[in-house]
Amino acid sequence: MEQEKIDRINVLARKSKTEGLTEAEKEEQAALRREYVAAVKRNLTAQLENTYLVDEKGQKRKLQHK
């Protein structure tokens, strides 16, 4: 996710605490938050796909999906 969008999420969060948001801003905030959560999930999934467990014998094995 681009830094500009993260900055916009923060601006809207601060504004919602002080002044309140218009309906259009609330919709924008919700869409940006959904996009941010999706990006975090993608990054976590990619990280877990490249994670290996090492047993007592020193053998590596990939994490399994449940």
PDB file of N, CA and C in Angstrom:
ATOM      1  N   MET A   1       0.852  -1.170   0.000  1.00  0.00           N
ATOM      2  CA  MET A   1       0.000   0.000   0.000  1.00  0.00           C
ATOM      3  C   MET A   1       0.900   1.236   0.000  1.00  0.00           C
ATOM      4  N   GLU A   2       0.523   2.231  -0.759  1.00  0.00           N
ATOM      5  CA  GLU A   2       1.323   3.442  -0.874  1.00  0.00           C
ATOM      6  C   GLU A   2       1.261   4.262   0.409  1.00  0.00           C
ATOM      7  N   GLN A   3       2.337   4.964   0.677  1.00  0.00           N
ATOM      8  CA  GLN A   3       2.422   5.790   1.881  1.00  0.00           C
ATOM      9  C   GLN A   3       1.370   6.896   1.861  1.00  0.00           C
ATOM     10  N   GLU A   4       1.025   7.399   0.680  1.00  0.00           N
ATOM     11  CA  GLU A   4       0.008   8.449   0.568  1.00  0.00           C
ATOM     12  C   GLU A   4      -1.336   7.976   1.140  1.00  0.00           C
ATOM     13  N   LYS A   5      -1.686   6.731   0.846  1.00  0.00           N
ATOM     14  CA  LYS A   5      -2.958   6.202   1.339  1.00  0.00           C
ATOM     15  C   LYS A   5      -2.922   6.005   2.849  1.00  0.00           C
ATOM     16  N   ILE A   6      -1.783   5.550   3.369  1.00  0.00           N
ATOM     17  CA  ILE A   6      -1.648   5.387   4.819  1.00  0.00           C
ATOM     18  C   ILE A   6      -1.747   6.742   5.505  1.00  0.00           C
ATOM     19  N   ASP A   7      -1.122   7.758   4.915  1.00  0.00           N
ATOM     20  CA  ASP A   7      -1.211   9.110   5.466  1.00  0.00           C
ATOM     21  C   ASP A   7      -2.651   9.606   5.445  1.00  0.00           C
ATOM     22  N   ARG A   8      -3.368   9.292   4.378  1.00  0.00           N
ATOM     23  CA  ARG A   8      -4.781   9.721   4.274  1.00  0.00           C
ATOM     24  C   ARG A   8      -5.619   9.029   5.348  1.00  0.00           C
ATOM     25  N   ILE A   9      -5.370   7.747   5.619  1.00  0.00           N
ATOM     26  CA  ILE A   9      -6.075   7.036   6.687  1.00  0.00           C
ATOM     27  C   ILE A   9      -5.849   7.763   8.010  1.00  0.00           C
ATOM     28  N   ASN A  10      -4.604   8.161   8.272  1.00  0.00           N
ATOM     29  CA  ASN A  10      -4.281   8.849   9.521  1.00  0.00           C
ATOM     30  C   ASN A  10      -4.943  10.211   9.607  1.00  0.00           C
ATOM     31  N   VAL A  11      -4.982  10.932   8.495  1.00  0.00           N
ATOM     32  CA  VAL A  11      -5.645  12.246   8.482  1.00  0.00           C
ATOM     33  C   VAL A  11      -7.127  12.086   8.807  1.00  0.00           C
ATOM     34  N   LEU A  12      -7.756  11.116   8.174  1.00  0.00           N
ATOM     35  CA  LEU A  12      -9.189  10.902   8.418  1.00  0.00           C
ATOM     36  C   LEU A  12      -9.441  10.446   9.852  1.00  0.00           C
ATOM     37  N   ALA A  13      -8.552   9.644  10.409  1.00  0.00           N
ATOM     38  CA  ALA A  13      -8.720   9.189  11.793  1.00  0.00           C
ATOM     39  C   ALA A  13      -8.631  10.367  12.754  1.00  0.00           C
ATOM     40  N   ARG A  14      -7.653  11.241  12.542  1.00  0.00           N
ATOM     41  CA  ARG A  14      -7.528  12.422  13.413  1.00  0.00           C
ATOM     42  C   ARG A  14      -8.741  13.334  13.267  1.00  0.00           C
ATOM     43  N   LYS A  15      -9.202  13.521  12.034  1.00  0.00           N
ATOM     44  CA  LYS A  15     -10.349  14.391  11.794  1.00  0.00           C
ATOM     45  C   LYS A  15     -11.611  13.813  12.436  1.00  0.00           C
ATOM     46  N   SER A  16     -11.763  12.489  12.403  1.00  0.00           N
ATOM     47  CA  SER A  16     -12.964  11.885  12.984  1.00  0.00           C
ATOM     48  C   SER A  16     -13.001  12.085  14.495  1.00  0.00           C
ATOM     49  N   LYS A  17     -11.832  12.150  15.124  1.00  0.00           N
ATOM     50  CA  LYS A  17     -11.776  12.358  16.571  1.00  0.00           C
ATOM     51  C   LYS A  17     -12.047  13.805  16.960  1.00  0.00           C
ATOM     52  N   THR A  18     -11.690  14.741  16.084  1.00  0.00           N
ATOM     53  CA  THR A  18     -11.838  16.155  16.435  1.00  0.00           C
ATOM     54  C   THR A  18     -13.132  16.759  15.906  1.00  0.00           C
ATOM     55  N   GLU A  19     -13.322  16.703  14.590  1.00  0.00           N
ATOM     56  CA  GLU A  19     -14.460  17.391  13.970  1.00  0.00           C
ATOM     57  C   GLU A  19     -15.595  16.465  13.575  1.00  0.00           C
ATOM     58  N   GLY A  20     -15.269  15.246  13.267  1.00  0.00           N
ATOM     59  CA  GLY A  20     -16.250  14.335  12.699  1.00  0.00           C
ATOM     60  C   GLY A  20     -16.077  14.285  11.191  1.00  0.00           C
ATOM     61  N   LEU A  21     -16.605  13.249  10.573  1.00  0.00           N
ATOM     62  CA  LEU A  21     -16.442  13.049   9.137  1.00  0.00           C
ATOM     63  C   LEU A  21     -17.779  13.169   8.413  1.00  0.00           C
ATOM     64  N   THR A  22     -17.707  13.595   7.165  1.00  0.00           N
ATOM     65  CA  THR A  22     -18.895  13.595   6.322  1.00  0.00           C
ATOM     66  C   THR A  22     -19.129  12.161   5.861  1.00  0.00           C
ATOM     67  N   GLU A  23     -20.275  11.923   5.268  1.00  0.00           N
ATOM     68  CA  GLU A  23     -20.587  10.570   4.778  1.00  0.00           C
ATOM     69  C   GLU A  23     -19.583  10.127   3.722  1.00  0.00           C
ATOM     70  N   ALA A  24     -19.197  11.032   2.846  1.00  0.00           N
ATOM     71  CA  ALA A  24     -18.233  10.690   1.798  1.00  0.00           C
ATOM     72  C   ALA A  24     -16.883  10.331   2.415  1.00  0.00           C
ATOM     73  N   GLU A  25     -16.480  11.056   3.434  1.00  0.00           N
ATOM     74  CA  GLU A  25     -15.218  10.768   4.105  1.00  0.00           C
ATOM     75  C   GLU A  25     -15.277   9.448   4.860  1.00  0.00           C
ATOM     76  N   LYS A  26     -16.425   9.141   5.447  1.00  0.00           N
ATOM     77  CA  LYS A  26     -16.583   7.859   6.141  1.00  0.00           C
ATOM     78  C   LYS A  26     -16.454   6.699   5.164  1.00  0.00           C
ATOM     79  N   GLU A  27     -17.054   6.846   3.981  1.00  0.00           N
ATOM     80  CA  GLU A  27     -16.953   5.803   2.960  1.00  0.00           C
ATOM     81  C   GLU A  27     -15.507   5.655   2.481  1.00  0.00           C
ATOM     82  N   GLU A  28     -14.826   6.791   2.287  1.00  0.00           N
ATOM     83  CA  GLU A  28     -13.421   6.755   1.869  1.00  0.00           C
ATOM     84  C   GLU A  28     -12.565   6.074   2.931  1.00  0.00           C
ATOM     85  N   GLN A  29     -12.811   6.409   4.193  1.00  0.00           N
ATOM     86  CA  GLN A  29     -12.054   5.823   5.295  1.00  0.00           C
ATOM     87  C   GLN A  29     -12.266   4.308   5.355  1.00  0.00           C
ATOM     88  N   ALA A  30     -13.505   3.872   5.188  1.00  0.00           N
ATOM     89  CA  ALA A  30     -13.807   2.439   5.225  1.00  0.00           C
ATOM     90  C   ALA A  30     -13.114   1.710   4.075  1.00  0.00           C
ATOM     91  N   ALA A  31     -13.139   2.294   2.888  1.00  0.00           N
ATOM     92  CA  ALA A  31     -12.494   1.673   1.730  1.00  0.00           C
ATOM     93  C   ALA A  31     -10.976   1.594   1.926  1.00  0.00           C
ATOM     94  N   LEU A  32     -10.389   2.665   2.440  1.00  0.00           N
ATOM     95  CA  LEU A  32      -8.950   2.659   2.682  1.00  0.00           C
ATOM     96  C   LEU A  32      -8.567   1.648   3.752  1.00  0.00           C
ATOM     97  N   ARG A  33      -9.381   1.535   4.776  1.00  0.00           N
ATOM     98  CA  ARG A  33      -9.104   0.555   5.835  1.00  0.00           C
ATOM     99  C   ARG A  33      -9.190  -0.868   5.298  1.00  0.00           C
ATOM    100  N   ARG A  34     -10.199  -1.157   4.461  1.00  0.00           N
ATOM    101  CA  ARG A  34     -10.310  -2.491   3.869  1.00  0.00           C
ATOM    102  C   ARG A  34      -9.085  -2.806   3.021  1.00  0.00           C
ATOM    103  N   GLU A  35      -8.645  -1.825   2.243  1.00  0.00           N
ATOM    104  CA  GLU A  35      -7.471  -2.018   1.398  1.00  0.00           C
ATOM    105  C   GLU A  35      -6.222  -2.257   2.261  1.00  0.00           C
ATOM    106  N   TYR A  36      -6.103  -1.521   3.362  1.00  0.00           N
ATOM    107  CA  TYR A  36      -4.958  -1.683   4.258  1.00  0.00           C
ATOM    108  C   TYR A  36      -4.947  -3.071   4.891  1.00  0.00           C
ATOM    109  N   VAL A  37      -6.095  -3.518   5.375  1.00  0.00           N
ATOM    110  CA  VAL A  37      -6.180  -4.845   5.998  1.00  0.00           C
ATOM    111  C   VAL A  37      -5.849  -5.928   4.975  1.00  0.00           C
ATOM    112  N   ALA A  38      -6.322  -5.783   3.749  1.00  0.00           N
ATOM    113  CA  ALA A  38      -6.016  -6.760   2.697  1.00  0.00           C
ATOM    114  C   ALA A  38      -4.511  -6.800   2.425  1.00  0.00           C
ATOM    115  N   ALA A  39      -3.868  -5.651   2.421  1.00  0.00           N
ATOM    116  CA  ALA A  39      -2.424  -5.589   2.176  1.00  0.00           C
ATOM    117  C   ALA A  39      -1.659  -6.266   3.310  1.00  0.00           C
ATOM    118  N   VAL A  40      -2.091  -6.048   4.542  1.00  0.00           N
ATOM    119  CA  VAL A  40      -1.437  -6.678   5.692  1.00  0.00           C
ATOM    120  C   VAL A  40      -1.582  -8.194   5.612  1.00  0.00           C
ATOM    121  N   LYS A  41      -2.777  -8.660   5.252  1.00  0.00           N
ATOM    122  CA  LYS A  41      -2.995 -10.102   5.128  1.00  0.00           C
ATOM    123  C   LYS A  41      -2.131 -10.705   4.039  1.00  0.00           C
ATOM    124  N   ARG A  42      -2.022 -10.017   2.888  1.00  0.00           N
ATOM    125  CA  ARG A  42      -1.166 -10.508   1.796  1.00  0.00           C
ATOM    126  C   ARG A  42       0.290 -10.603   2.252  1.00  0.00           C
ATOM    127  N   ASN A  43       0.759  -9.574   2.950  1.00  0.00           N
ATOM    128  CA  ASN A  43       2.151  -9.577   3.411  1.00  0.00           C
ATOM    129  C   ASN A  43       2.398 -10.692   4.421  1.00  0.00           C
ATOM    130  N   LEU A  44       1.463 -10.910   5.327  1.00  0.00           N
ATOM    131  CA  LEU A  44       1.618 -11.967   6.323  1.00  0.00           C
ATOM    132  C   LEU A  44       1.614 -13.340   5.658  1.00  0.00           C
ATOM    133  N   THR A  45       0.720 -13.533   4.713  1.00  0.00           N
ATOM    134  CA  THR A  45       0.651 -14.805   3.992  1.00  0.00           C
ATOM    135  C   THR A  45       1.962 -15.068   3.260  1.00  0.00           C
ATOM    136  N   ALA A  46       2.501 -14.062   2.594  1.00  0.00           N
ATOM    137  CA  ALA A  46       3.765 -14.220   1.876  1.00  0.00           C
ATOM    138  C   ALA A  46       4.892 -14.554   2.842  1.00  0.00           C
ATOM    139  N   GLN A  47       4.899 -13.915   3.998  1.00  0.00           N
ATOM    140  CA  GLN A  47       5.939 -14.189   4.976  1.00  0.00           C
ATOM    141  C   GLN A  47       5.828 -15.612   5.511  1.00  0.00           C
ATOM    142  N   LEU A  48       4.614 -16.051   5.800  1.00  0.00           N
ATOM    143  CA  LEU A  48       4.428 -17.399   6.328  1.00  0.00           C
ATOM    144  C   LEU A  48       4.748 -18.472   5.290  1.00  0.00           C
ATOM    145  N   GLU A  49       4.521 -18.182   4.021  1.00  0.00           N
ATOM    146  CA  GLU A  49       4.842 -19.138   2.971  1.00  0.00           C
ATOM    147  C   GLU A  49       6.350 -19.345   2.833  1.00  0.00           C
ATOM    148  N   ASN A  50       7.124 -18.408   3.325  1.00  0.00           N
ATOM    149  CA  ASN A  50       8.581 -18.514   3.267  1.00  0.00           C
ATOM    150  C   ASN A  50       9.186 -18.801   4.637  1.00  0.00           C
ATOM    151  N   THR A  51       8.386 -19.345   5.544  1.00  0.00           N
ATOM    152  CA  THR A  51       8.847 -19.675   6.886  1.00  0.00           C
ATOM    153  C   THR A  51       9.031 -21.183   7.001  1.00  0.00           C
ATOM    154  N   TYR A  52      10.147 -21.574   7.584  1.00  0.00           N
ATOM    155  CA  TYR A  52      10.452 -22.985   7.769  1.00  0.00           C
ATOM    156  C   TYR A  52      10.646 -23.276   9.255  1.00  0.00           C
ATOM    157  N   LEU A  53      10.258 -24.463   9.646  1.00  0.00           N
ATOM    158  CA  LEU A  53      10.506 -24.945  11.001  1.00  0.00           C
ATOM    159  C   LEU A  53      11.721 -25.861  10.959  1.00  0.00           C
ATOM    160  N   VAL A  54      12.582 -25.751  11.961  1.00  0.00           N
ATOM    161  CA  VAL A  54      13.763 -26.598  12.044  1.00  0.00           C
ATOM    162  C   VAL A  54      13.565 -27.535  13.227  1.00  0.00           C
ATOM    163  N   ASP A  55      13.629 -28.843  12.960  1.00  0.00           N
ATOM    164  CA  ASP A  55      13.446 -29.808  14.040  1.00  0.00           C
ATOM    165  C   ASP A  55      14.769 -30.058  14.782  1.00  0.00           C
ATOM    166  N   GLU A  56      14.722 -30.996  15.726  1.00  0.00           N
ATOM    167  CA  GLU A  56      15.896 -31.284  16.554  1.00  0.00           C
ATOM    168  C   GLU A  56      17.078 -31.788  15.744  1.00  0.00           C
ATOM    169  N   LYS A  57      16.806 -32.440  14.633  1.00  0.00           N
ATOM    170  CA  LYS A  57      17.854 -32.999  13.785  1.00  0.00           C
ATOM    171  C   LYS A  57      18.424 -31.974  12.807  1.00  0.00           C
ATOM    172  N   GLY A  58      17.863 -30.784  12.807  1.00  0.00           N
ATOM    173  CA  GLY A  58      18.334 -29.731  11.910  1.00  0.00           C
ATOM    174  C   GLY A  58      17.682 -29.738  10.546  1.00  0.00           C
ATOM    175  N   GLN A  59      16.643 -30.563  10.387  1.00  0.00           N
ATOM    176  CA  GLN A  59      15.954 -30.624   9.104  1.00  0.00           C
ATOM    177  C   GLN A  59      14.907 -29.513   9.033  1.00  0.00           C
ATOM    178  N   LYS A  60      14.869 -28.863   7.871  1.00  0.00           N
ATOM    179  CA  LYS A  60      13.898 -27.799   7.656  1.00  0.00           C
ATOM    180  C   LYS A  60      12.650 -28.374   7.018  1.00  0.00           C
ATOM    181  N   ARG A  61      11.507 -27.846   7.415  1.00  0.00           N
ATOM    182  CA  ARG A  61      10.264 -28.206   6.738  1.00  0.00           C
ATOM    183  C   ARG A  61       9.348 -26.986   6.729  1.00  0.00           C
ATOM    184  N   LYS A  62       8.607 -26.877   5.656  1.00  0.00           N
ATOM    185  CA  LYS A  62       7.707 -25.740   5.483  1.00  0.00           C
ATOM    186  C   LYS A  62       6.520 -25.845   6.427  1.00  0.00           C
ATOM    187  N   LEU A  63       5.967 -24.671   6.771  1.00  0.00           N
ATOM    188  CA  LEU A  63       4.730 -24.661   7.536  1.00  0.00           C
ATOM    189  C   LEU A  63       3.608 -25.200   6.660  1.00  0.00           C
ATOM    190  N   GLN A  64       2.689 -25.938   7.252  1.00  0.00           N
ATOM    191  CA  GLN A  64       1.569 -26.518   6.538  1.00  0.00           C
ATOM    192  C   GLN A  64       0.311 -25.686   6.761  1.00  0.00           C
ATOM    193  N   HIS A  65      -0.513 -25.582   5.744  1.00  0.00           N
ATOM    194  CA  HIS A  65      -1.805 -24.921   5.871  1.00  0.00           C
ATOM    195  C   HIS A  65      -2.742 -25.808   6.667  1.00  0.00           C
ATOM    196  N   LYS A  66      -3.599 -25.207   7.476  1.00  0.00           N
ATOM    197  CA  LYS A  66      -4.587 -25.988   8.214  1.00  0.00           C
ATOM    198  C   LYS A  66      -5.929 -25.838   7.599  1.00  0.00           C
TER     199      LYS A  66
END
